[in-house]
């Protein structure tokens, strides 16, 4: 998605984040570790960990770039054409974590990214090559996919999963107000 201003970027990120969090809050606790949400039997926790890890990677790229380093993108030992392998490694890294912990990391990454965006001008966000580490691309090229677009994707995945498995939900399940 293209963003014409800082305001539009922030609005998209906040809107998609809020929609995702609302969807997450609808999921009964009893279903949070249920497999099959996405991919190779991912759970809700796996999906949120995936989002949190991609936020963390963006923050590392940004921090490394500010220090004059060339960030290892997308991650050390991986090329952009190896994203399926990287995503499997992310899942393996976080598989044993509890959703509460993963959600805490997700929320912290979201907050830090918003802080960065709020501290930058529209020009800094949208100008090609403003940051040396982004090369000929604007910073928003890395922000959008790791925030608004990723949140929208996850919301759709969860919505499809909930619709497809509605009959399996326990009648005694209570919505989880805070994952």
Protein backbone atom coordinates (compact mmCIF):
# COMPACT_ATOMS: atom_id res chain seq x y z
CA UNK A 1 0.00 0.00 0.00
CA UNK A 2 1.22 3.49 -0.77
CA UNK A 3 1.09 6.18 1.86
CA UNK A 4 0.99 9.84 0.89
CA UNK A 5 1.73 11.25 4.31
CA UNK A 6 2.83 10.48 7.81
CA UNK A 7 -0.76 10.97 8.92
CA UNK A 8 -2.04 8.37 6.43
CA UNK A 9 0.64 5.88 7.51
CA UNK A 10 -0.16 6.32 11.19
CA UNK A 11 -3.90 6.05 10.53
CA UNK A 12 -3.45 2.81 8.57
CA UNK A 13 -1.19 1.29 11.22
CA UNK A 14 -3.51 2.21 14.07
CA UNK A 15 -6.64 1.07 12.24
CA UNK A 16 -5.19 -2.31 11.27
CA UNK A 17 -3.64 -2.82 14.71
CA UNK A 18 -6.92 -2.06 16.46
CA UNK A 19 -8.82 -4.41 14.14
CA UNK A 20 -6.32 -7.19 14.82
CA UNK A 21 -6.41 -6.68 18.58
CA UNK A 22 -10.22 -6.70 18.53
CA UNK A 23 -10.15 -9.97 16.61
CA UNK A 24 -7.59 -11.44 19.02
CA UNK A 25 -9.73 -10.43 21.98
CA UNK A 26 -12.68 -12.38 20.51
CA UNK A 27 -10.78 -15.66 20.65
CA UNK A 28 -11.75 -17.84 23.61
CA UNK A 29 -8.82 -18.83 25.82
CA UNK A 30 -9.56 -22.46 25.15
CA UNK A 31 -8.74 -21.96 21.45
CA UNK A 32 -5.51 -19.96 21.73
CA UNK A 33 -3.30 -23.03 21.33
CA UNK A 34 -5.47 -24.72 18.74
CA UNK A 35 -3.50 -25.66 15.65
CA UNK A 36 -4.50 -24.86 12.09
CA UNK A 37 -4.85 -21.09 12.27
CA UNK A 38 -2.43 -20.62 9.40
CA UNK A 39 0.38 -22.33 7.56
CA UNK A 40 1.72 -25.60 8.88
CA UNK A 41 -0.62 -25.93 11.88
CA UNK A 42 0.21 -22.56 13.40
CA UNK A 43 -1.59 -21.45 16.55
CA UNK A 44 -2.77 -17.93 17.37
CA UNK A 45 0.37 -17.62 19.49
CA UNK A 46 2.55 -18.61 16.51
CA UNK A 47 0.88 -15.98 14.35
CA UNK A 48 1.28 -13.18 16.90
CA UNK A 49 4.90 -14.23 17.52
CA UNK A 50 5.48 -14.00 13.77
CA UNK A 51 4.18 -10.42 13.75
CA UNK A 52 6.20 -9.48 16.83
CA UNK A 53 9.39 -10.95 15.37
CA UNK A 54 8.97 -9.03 12.10
CA UNK A 55 8.45 -5.84 14.11
CA UNK A 56 11.59 -6.67 16.07
CA UNK A 57 13.53 -7.23 12.85
CA UNK A 58 12.40 -3.86 11.48
CA UNK A 59 13.49 -2.18 14.73
CA UNK A 60 16.89 -3.87 14.47
CA UNK A 61 17.29 -2.68 10.87
CA UNK A 62 16.35 0.83 11.92
CA UNK A 63 18.69 0.87 14.94
CA UNK A 64 21.57 -0.62 12.96
CA UNK A 65 21.00 1.90 10.18
CA UNK A 66 21.04 4.83 12.60
CA UNK A 67 24.39 3.62 13.90
CA UNK A 68 25.79 3.63 10.37
CA UNK A 69 25.73 -0.14 9.96
CA UNK A 70 24.22 -1.98 7.03
CA UNK A 71 21.43 -4.10 8.51
CA UNK A 72 21.28 -7.81 7.75
CA UNK A 73 17.97 -7.94 5.91
CA UNK A 74 15.71 -9.68 6.29
CA UNK A 75 17.73 -11.47 9.00
CA UNK A 76 21.27 -12.77 9.43
CA UNK A 77 21.75 -15.82 7.23
CA UNK A 78 18.64 -15.18 5.11
CA UNK A 79 17.96 -13.55 1.76
CA UNK A 80 14.67 -11.99 0.73
CA UNK A 81 13.92 -14.99 -1.48
CA UNK A 82 14.14 -17.26 1.60
CA UNK A 83 11.21 -15.85 3.54
CA UNK A 84 9.40 -19.20 3.89
CA UNK A 85 12.51 -20.66 5.56
CA UNK A 86 12.88 -17.58 7.76
CA UNK A 87 9.22 -17.74 8.79
CA UNK A 88 9.63 -21.40 9.75
CA UNK A 89 12.65 -20.45 11.86
CA UNK A 90 10.65 -17.68 13.53
CA UNK A 91 7.93 -20.17 14.39
CA UNK A 92 10.44 -22.65 15.78
CA UNK A 93 12.09 -19.90 17.86
CA UNK A 94 8.83 -18.87 19.50
CA UNK A 95 6.83 -22.11 19.45
CA UNK A 96 7.13 -22.79 23.18
CA UNK A 97 6.21 -19.26 24.27
CA UNK A 98 2.93 -18.43 25.92
CA UNK A 99 0.55 -16.11 24.12
CA UNK A 100 0.60 -13.60 26.96
CA UNK A 101 4.37 -13.20 26.57
CA UNK A 102 4.19 -13.05 22.78
CA UNK A 103 1.43 -10.44 22.95
CA UNK A 104 3.52 -8.35 25.33
CA UNK A 105 6.36 -8.32 22.78
CA UNK A 106 3.93 -7.51 19.98
CA UNK A 107 2.47 -4.58 21.93
CA UNK A 108 5.94 -3.27 22.85
CA UNK A 109 7.13 -3.44 19.24
CA UNK A 110 4.00 -1.67 18.05
CA UNK A 111 4.51 1.11 20.59
CA UNK A 112 8.15 1.59 19.70
CA UNK A 113 7.40 1.71 15.96
CA UNK A 114 4.67 4.30 16.52
CA UNK A 115 7.13 6.36 18.54
CA UNK A 116 9.66 6.27 15.73
CA UNK A 117 7.10 7.31 13.14
CA UNK A 118 5.75 10.10 15.31
CA UNK A 119 9.30 11.43 15.74
CA UNK A 120 9.95 11.61 11.99
CA UNK A 121 8.66 14.03 9.38
CA UNK A 122 6.64 13.01 6.35
CA UNK A 123 9.75 13.72 4.28
CA UNK A 124 11.89 11.40 6.37
CA UNK A 125 9.30 8.65 6.02
CA UNK A 126 8.56 9.05 2.32
CA UNK A 127 11.77 10.36 0.72
CA UNK A 128 13.70 7.79 -1.27
CA UNK A 129 17.11 7.16 0.23
CA UNK A 130 16.70 9.52 3.17
CA UNK A 131 18.20 6.81 5.34
CA UNK A 132 21.38 5.34 3.88
CA UNK A 133 20.43 1.81 4.97
CA UNK A 134 17.20 1.87 2.93
CA UNK A 135 19.12 2.48 -0.29
CA UNK A 136 16.90 3.88 -2.99
CA UNK A 137 13.72 3.11 -1.04
CA UNK A 138 11.82 5.26 1.44
CA UNK A 139 11.56 4.11 5.05
CA UNK A 140 7.83 3.50 4.57
CA UNK A 141 8.75 0.64 2.21
CA UNK A 142 9.92 -1.25 5.30
CA UNK A 143 7.35 0.11 7.73
CA UNK A 144 4.13 -0.70 5.88
CA UNK A 145 4.77 -4.42 5.37
CA UNK A 146 5.89 -4.89 8.97
CA UNK A 147 2.91 -3.09 10.46
CA UNK A 148 -0.39 -2.21 8.73
CA UNK A 149 -0.14 -4.78 5.93
CA UNK A 150 0.98 -7.52 8.29
CA UNK A 151 -1.76 -6.71 10.80
CA UNK A 152 -4.39 -6.75 8.03
CA UNK A 153 -3.09 -10.12 6.84
CA UNK A 154 -3.25 -11.59 10.35
CA UNK A 155 -6.76 -10.24 10.93
CA UNK A 156 -7.94 -11.94 7.73
CA UNK A 157 -6.23 -15.20 8.66
CA UNK A 158 -7.87 -15.25 12.09
CA UNK A 159 -11.26 -14.29 10.66
CA UNK A 160 -11.10 -17.16 8.14
CA UNK A 161 -9.96 -19.61 10.81
CA UNK A 162 -12.72 -18.60 13.21
CA UNK A 163 -15.35 -18.89 10.48
CA UNK A 164 -14.06 -22.26 9.30
CA UNK A 165 -13.91 -23.70 12.81
CA UNK A 166 -16.97 -22.07 14.37
CA UNK A 167 -18.59 -25.46 14.95
CA UNK A 168 -15.58 -26.63 16.95
CA UNK A 169 -15.72 -23.78 19.45
CA UNK A 170 -16.72 -24.94 22.90
CA UNK A 171 -19.98 -23.61 24.21
CA UNK A 172 -18.33 -22.91 27.56
CA UNK A 173 -15.57 -20.78 26.05
CA UNK A 174 -15.17 -17.26 27.26
CA UNK A 175 -13.62 -14.52 25.13
CA UNK A 176 -10.11 -13.62 26.16
CA UNK A 177 -10.23 -9.92 26.97
CA UNK A 178 -6.46 -9.62 27.15
CA UNK A 179 -4.18 -12.12 25.43
